[in-house]
N, C-alpha and C. Protein backbone atom coordinates (compact mmCIF):
# COMPACT_ATOMS: atom_id res chain seq x y z
N MET A 1 105.33 114.27 70.05
CA MET A 1 105.95 113.75 71.29
C MET A 1 105.04 112.77 71.94
N PRO A 2 105.45 111.48 72.12
CA PRO A 2 104.58 110.41 72.61
C PRO A 2 104.39 110.54 74.18
N LEU A 3 105.06 111.46 74.89
CA LEU A 3 104.79 111.59 76.31
C LEU A 3 104.37 113.03 76.65
N GLN A 4 103.26 113.15 77.29
CA GLN A 4 102.75 114.51 77.77
C GLN A 4 102.59 114.40 79.26
N PHE A 5 103.05 115.40 79.92
CA PHE A 5 103.03 115.43 81.42
C PHE A 5 102.40 116.72 81.84
N LYS A 6 101.35 116.68 82.65
CA LYS A 6 100.74 117.92 83.11
C LYS A 6 100.25 117.72 84.61
N HIS A 7 100.16 118.82 85.26
CA HIS A 7 99.76 118.78 86.64
C HIS A 7 98.34 119.36 86.81
N GLU A 8 97.55 118.75 87.62
CA GLU A 8 96.18 119.17 87.75
C GLU A 8 95.97 119.49 89.28
N ALA A 9 94.73 119.87 89.60
CA ALA A 9 94.40 120.20 90.99
C ALA A 9 94.52 118.97 91.86
N ASN A 10 94.60 119.16 93.17
CA ASN A 10 94.65 118.03 94.20
C ASN A 10 95.82 117.15 94.00
N ASP A 11 96.97 117.76 93.60
CA ASP A 11 98.19 117.01 93.44
C ASP A 11 98.15 115.80 92.39
N ILE A 12 97.25 115.84 91.43
CA ILE A 12 97.18 114.84 90.41
C ILE A 12 98.18 115.26 89.31
N SER A 13 99.02 114.36 89.00
CA SER A 13 99.96 114.52 87.88
C SER A 13 99.59 113.52 86.75
N GLU A 14 99.27 113.97 85.58
CA GLU A 14 98.84 113.07 84.51
C GLU A 14 99.98 112.94 83.61
N LEU A 15 100.27 111.68 83.24
CA LEU A 15 101.27 111.26 82.30
C LEU A 15 100.60 110.51 81.23
N ARG A 16 100.55 111.06 79.93
CA ARG A 16 99.95 110.40 78.90
C ARG A 16 101.02 109.92 77.95
N ILE A 17 100.98 108.66 77.65
CA ILE A 17 101.99 108.00 76.84
C ILE A 17 101.30 107.37 75.55
N SER A 18 101.82 107.68 74.43
CA SER A 18 101.40 107.05 73.18
C SER A 18 102.62 106.59 72.42
N GLY A 19 102.42 105.56 71.67
CA GLY A 19 103.58 105.00 70.94
C GLY A 19 104.56 104.28 71.85
N VAL A 20 105.81 104.46 71.53
CA VAL A 20 106.84 103.76 72.36
C VAL A 20 107.36 104.78 73.39
N LEU A 21 107.40 104.41 74.67
CA LEU A 21 107.89 105.21 75.72
C LEU A 21 109.48 105.21 75.68
N LYS A 22 110.05 106.48 75.42
CA LYS A 22 111.43 106.71 75.34
C LYS A 22 111.97 106.94 76.75
N GLN A 23 113.15 106.37 77.04
CA GLN A 23 113.68 106.49 78.26
C GLN A 23 114.09 107.90 78.70
N ASP A 24 114.60 108.71 77.67
CA ASP A 24 114.98 110.05 78.05
C ASP A 24 113.71 110.92 78.27
N GLU A 25 112.62 110.73 77.65
CA GLU A 25 111.39 111.43 78.00
C GLU A 25 110.84 111.05 79.38
N PHE A 26 110.89 109.74 79.64
CA PHE A 26 110.49 109.35 80.97
C PHE A 26 111.36 109.91 82.05
N ALA A 27 112.67 109.96 81.85
CA ALA A 27 113.59 110.57 82.81
C ALA A 27 113.30 111.99 83.07
N ALA A 28 112.93 112.75 82.03
CA ALA A 28 112.61 114.13 82.12
C ALA A 28 111.35 114.33 82.89
N ALA A 29 110.35 113.47 82.74
CA ALA A 29 109.11 113.50 83.48
C ALA A 29 109.42 113.14 85.01
N GLN A 30 110.25 112.24 85.27
CA GLN A 30 110.63 111.91 86.63
C GLN A 30 111.37 113.12 87.33
N ALA A 31 112.17 113.76 86.58
CA ALA A 31 112.88 114.94 87.15
C ALA A 31 111.88 116.05 87.44
N GLU A 32 110.88 116.26 86.60
CA GLU A 32 109.89 117.27 86.90
C GLU A 32 109.09 116.86 88.12
N LEU A 33 108.79 115.64 88.15
CA LEU A 33 107.91 115.16 89.31
C LEU A 33 108.77 115.25 90.66
N ALA A 34 110.03 114.94 90.58
CA ALA A 34 110.95 115.03 91.71
C ALA A 34 110.94 116.48 92.20
N ARG A 35 110.95 117.47 91.32
CA ARG A 35 111.00 118.89 91.70
C ARG A 35 109.64 119.20 92.47
N LYS A 36 108.53 118.71 92.03
CA LYS A 36 107.31 118.94 92.68
C LYS A 36 107.31 118.31 94.04
N ILE A 37 107.87 117.14 94.21
CA ILE A 37 107.90 116.43 95.47
C ILE A 37 108.78 117.19 96.41
N ASP A 38 109.96 117.61 95.89
CA ASP A 38 110.91 118.35 96.72
C ASP A 38 110.23 119.72 97.16
N ALA A 39 109.24 120.20 96.46
CA ALA A 39 108.58 121.46 96.89
C ALA A 39 107.41 121.15 97.85
N GLY A 40 107.19 119.89 98.20
CA GLY A 40 106.23 119.55 99.15
C GLY A 40 105.00 118.78 98.63
N ALA A 41 104.89 118.50 97.35
CA ALA A 41 103.75 117.76 96.85
C ALA A 41 103.76 116.34 97.18
N LYS A 42 102.57 115.76 97.34
CA LYS A 42 102.37 114.35 97.51
C LYS A 42 101.55 113.81 96.33
N PRO A 43 102.18 113.69 95.17
CA PRO A 43 101.46 113.46 93.89
C PRO A 43 100.68 112.16 93.88
N ARG A 44 99.62 112.32 93.14
CA ARG A 44 98.77 111.09 92.75
C ARG A 44 98.91 111.05 91.26
N LEU A 45 99.52 109.90 90.82
CA LEU A 45 99.91 109.75 89.42
C LEU A 45 98.75 109.09 88.65
N LEU A 46 98.44 109.72 87.55
CA LEU A 46 97.51 109.08 86.58
C LEU A 46 98.27 108.85 85.31
N ILE A 47 98.48 107.67 85.04
CA ILE A 47 99.28 107.25 83.81
C ILE A 47 98.29 106.69 82.78
N ILE A 48 98.24 107.27 81.62
CA ILE A 48 97.31 106.91 80.63
C ILE A 48 98.03 106.48 79.33
N GLY A 49 97.85 105.25 79.01
CA GLY A 49 98.50 104.71 77.77
C GLY A 49 97.46 104.82 76.65
N GLU A 50 97.71 105.55 75.64
CA GLU A 50 96.88 105.70 74.50
C GLU A 50 97.65 105.20 73.25
N ASN A 51 97.24 104.15 72.62
CA ASN A 51 97.98 103.54 71.58
C ASN A 51 99.39 103.27 71.94
N PHE A 52 99.56 102.83 73.19
CA PHE A 52 100.81 102.48 73.76
C PHE A 52 101.44 101.26 72.97
N GLU A 53 102.71 101.32 72.68
CA GLU A 53 103.40 100.29 71.96
C GLU A 53 104.52 99.68 72.75
N GLY A 54 104.75 100.10 73.95
CA GLY A 54 105.79 99.46 74.76
C GLY A 54 106.92 100.45 75.12
N TRP A 55 107.98 99.86 75.60
CA TRP A 55 109.14 100.60 76.01
C TRP A 55 110.24 100.58 75.06
N GLU A 56 110.99 101.67 74.99
CA GLU A 56 112.13 101.78 74.04
C GLU A 56 113.12 100.60 74.31
N ARG A 57 113.35 99.80 73.26
CA ARG A 57 114.31 98.71 73.38
C ARG A 57 115.75 99.23 73.40
N GLY A 58 116.56 98.52 74.18
CA GLY A 58 117.98 98.85 74.23
C GLY A 58 118.26 100.05 75.17
N ALA A 59 117.28 100.63 75.73
CA ALA A 59 117.47 101.76 76.72
C ALA A 59 117.79 101.15 78.06
N ASP A 60 118.43 101.96 78.83
CA ASP A 60 118.77 101.52 80.26
C ASP A 60 117.61 101.88 81.20
N TRP A 61 116.78 100.94 81.47
CA TRP A 61 115.58 101.11 82.32
C TRP A 61 115.90 100.77 83.80
N ASN A 62 117.19 100.53 84.10
CA ASN A 62 117.57 99.98 85.45
C ASN A 62 117.92 101.17 86.41
N ASP A 63 117.73 102.37 86.05
CA ASP A 63 118.02 103.53 87.01
C ASP A 63 116.86 103.53 88.05
N LEU A 64 117.21 103.16 89.26
CA LEU A 64 116.17 103.15 90.33
C LEU A 64 116.30 104.35 91.30
N ASP A 65 117.12 105.33 90.93
CA ASP A 65 117.32 106.49 91.83
C ASP A 65 116.00 107.12 92.21
N PHE A 66 115.13 107.39 91.21
CA PHE A 66 113.88 107.97 91.59
C PHE A 66 113.03 107.13 92.55
N LEU A 67 112.95 105.86 92.20
CA LEU A 67 112.23 104.93 93.04
C LEU A 67 112.63 105.00 94.54
N PHE A 68 114.01 105.00 94.77
CA PHE A 68 114.51 104.97 96.13
C PHE A 68 114.37 106.32 96.76
N SER A 69 114.55 107.42 96.02
CA SER A 69 114.61 108.74 96.57
C SER A 69 113.27 109.47 96.76
N HIS A 70 112.27 109.08 95.89
CA HIS A 70 110.97 109.85 95.91
C HIS A 70 109.75 109.01 95.97
N SER A 71 109.81 107.70 95.85
CA SER A 71 108.63 106.93 95.68
C SER A 71 107.80 106.94 96.98
N GLY A 72 108.40 107.17 98.16
CA GLY A 72 107.67 107.20 99.40
C GLY A 72 106.78 108.45 99.44
N GLU A 73 106.96 109.36 98.60
CA GLU A 73 106.08 110.68 98.65
C GLU A 73 105.01 110.60 97.62
N ILE A 74 104.90 109.52 96.85
CA ILE A 74 103.79 109.40 95.88
C ILE A 74 102.61 108.77 96.70
N ALA A 75 101.43 109.34 96.53
CA ALA A 75 100.24 108.91 97.24
C ALA A 75 99.63 107.66 96.64
N ARG A 76 99.46 107.75 95.40
CA ARG A 76 98.74 106.62 94.63
C ARG A 76 99.22 106.69 93.20
N ILE A 77 98.99 105.55 92.49
CA ILE A 77 99.37 105.50 91.07
C ILE A 77 98.23 104.67 90.39
N ALA A 78 97.53 105.35 89.44
CA ALA A 78 96.54 104.66 88.64
C ALA A 78 97.10 104.57 87.24
N VAL A 79 97.07 103.34 86.66
CA VAL A 79 97.50 103.15 85.26
C VAL A 79 96.31 102.80 84.43
N VAL A 80 96.08 103.52 83.36
CA VAL A 80 94.93 103.25 82.46
C VAL A 80 95.50 102.84 81.10
N GLY A 81 95.09 101.67 80.69
CA GLY A 81 95.60 101.19 79.38
C GLY A 81 94.95 99.97 78.88
N ASP A 82 95.41 99.48 77.76
CA ASP A 82 94.96 98.23 77.16
C ASP A 82 95.30 97.09 78.10
N PRO A 83 94.40 96.15 78.36
CA PRO A 83 94.61 95.07 79.29
C PRO A 83 95.82 94.20 78.88
N ARG A 84 96.23 94.22 77.69
CA ARG A 84 97.40 93.40 77.26
C ARG A 84 98.69 93.89 77.96
N TRP A 85 98.66 95.18 78.42
CA TRP A 85 99.88 95.75 79.02
C TRP A 85 99.82 95.68 80.53
N GLU A 86 98.73 95.15 81.14
CA GLU A 86 98.53 95.24 82.57
C GLU A 86 99.73 94.69 83.35
N THR A 87 100.14 93.48 83.13
CA THR A 87 101.20 92.88 83.92
C THR A 87 102.42 93.72 83.85
N GLN A 88 102.91 93.98 82.62
CA GLN A 88 104.10 94.78 82.44
C GLN A 88 104.03 96.23 83.00
N ALA A 89 102.86 96.87 82.82
CA ALA A 89 102.67 98.20 83.34
C ALA A 89 102.72 98.29 84.86
N LEU A 90 102.15 97.30 85.49
CA LEU A 90 102.14 97.28 86.96
C LEU A 90 103.55 96.98 87.50
N ALA A 91 104.23 96.15 86.90
CA ALA A 91 105.66 95.84 87.21
C ALA A 91 106.47 97.15 87.00
N PHE A 92 106.26 97.81 85.85
CA PHE A 92 107.06 99.06 85.64
C PHE A 92 106.78 100.13 86.57
N ALA A 93 105.47 100.15 87.04
CA ALA A 93 105.04 101.20 88.01
C ALA A 93 105.47 100.84 89.47
N GLY A 94 106.06 99.69 89.60
CA GLY A 94 106.54 99.29 90.96
C GLY A 94 105.53 98.80 91.92
N ALA A 95 104.42 98.23 91.32
CA ALA A 95 103.31 97.62 92.17
C ALA A 95 103.92 96.57 93.06
N GLY A 96 103.65 96.70 94.41
CA GLY A 96 104.26 95.76 95.35
C GLY A 96 105.61 96.00 95.80
N ILE A 97 106.29 97.02 95.21
CA ILE A 97 107.65 97.38 95.69
C ILE A 97 107.58 98.71 96.34
N ARG A 98 106.88 99.64 95.85
CA ARG A 98 106.73 101.01 96.47
C ARG A 98 105.65 101.00 97.47
N PRO A 99 105.69 101.97 98.42
CA PRO A 99 104.63 102.03 99.42
C PRO A 99 103.25 102.49 98.87
N ALA A 100 103.26 103.22 97.83
CA ALA A 100 102.01 103.71 97.26
C ALA A 100 101.21 102.61 96.64
N PRO A 101 99.92 102.55 96.80
CA PRO A 101 99.13 101.52 96.03
C PRO A 101 99.15 101.87 94.55
N VAL A 102 99.24 100.87 93.73
CA VAL A 102 99.18 101.00 92.29
C VAL A 102 97.99 100.08 91.77
N LYS A 103 97.26 100.63 90.90
CA LYS A 103 96.01 99.92 90.39
C LYS A 103 95.90 100.14 88.89
N PHE A 104 95.50 99.05 88.14
CA PHE A 104 95.30 99.16 86.69
C PHE A 104 93.88 99.32 86.39
N PHE A 105 93.63 100.11 85.40
CA PHE A 105 92.25 100.36 84.93
C PHE A 105 92.21 100.22 83.35
N ARG A 106 91.16 99.75 82.85
CA ARG A 106 90.92 99.61 81.41
C ARG A 106 90.61 101.04 80.88
N PRO A 107 90.82 101.27 79.54
CA PRO A 107 90.50 102.59 78.99
C PRO A 107 89.11 103.15 79.29
N ASN A 108 88.14 102.27 79.35
CA ASN A 108 86.73 102.74 79.62
C ASN A 108 86.51 102.97 81.06
N GLU A 109 87.51 102.85 81.87
CA GLU A 109 87.49 103.08 83.32
C GLU A 109 88.21 104.31 83.83
N LEU A 110 88.43 105.25 82.89
CA LEU A 110 89.24 106.50 83.26
C LEU A 110 88.54 107.30 84.43
N THR A 111 87.19 107.33 84.44
CA THR A 111 86.48 108.03 85.50
C THR A 111 86.74 107.35 86.82
N GLN A 112 86.67 105.97 86.82
CA GLN A 112 86.91 105.23 88.07
C GLN A 112 88.38 105.40 88.53
N ALA A 113 89.29 105.44 87.60
CA ALA A 113 90.66 105.75 88.00
C ALA A 113 90.81 107.06 88.68
N ARG A 114 90.21 108.11 88.14
CA ARG A 114 90.31 109.37 88.71
C ARG A 114 89.63 109.37 90.16
N THR A 115 88.50 108.74 90.22
CA THR A 115 87.83 108.60 91.56
C THR A 115 88.72 107.92 92.55
N TRP A 116 89.36 106.82 92.13
CA TRP A 116 90.23 106.05 93.06
C TRP A 116 91.38 106.92 93.46
N LEU A 117 92.00 107.70 92.53
CA LEU A 117 93.10 108.55 92.93
C LEU A 117 92.67 109.61 93.96
N ALA A 118 91.40 110.06 93.85
CA ALA A 118 90.95 111.18 94.75
C ALA A 118 90.71 110.62 96.19
N ASP A 119 90.44 109.28 96.31
CA ASP A 119 90.21 108.74 97.70
C ASP A 119 91.31 108.92 98.67
């Protein structure tokens, strides 16, 4: 499974993605995160791309329900990945659209990403 989702202390939710990100797996992760938000969490998302190969082609990535209904409850989003994906990953994460700050980090900056999320 190229997508792994786990919850850590201090409302950090880690999403590890390898290979091609499938829309149905991403939707399931969003639904799980929505349940945590509905239960009162203010998640700090740590998205880690390991051997990331992009997004599933032909999938409907236009569903913005989660963005409109829950993005105001997300505290911060850190994206860690290969620099070649930076522009697309920031756009996908909604940088500049959602109220939460979104920041990109290189793979060797995982510790800095975690520190930034904790601020």
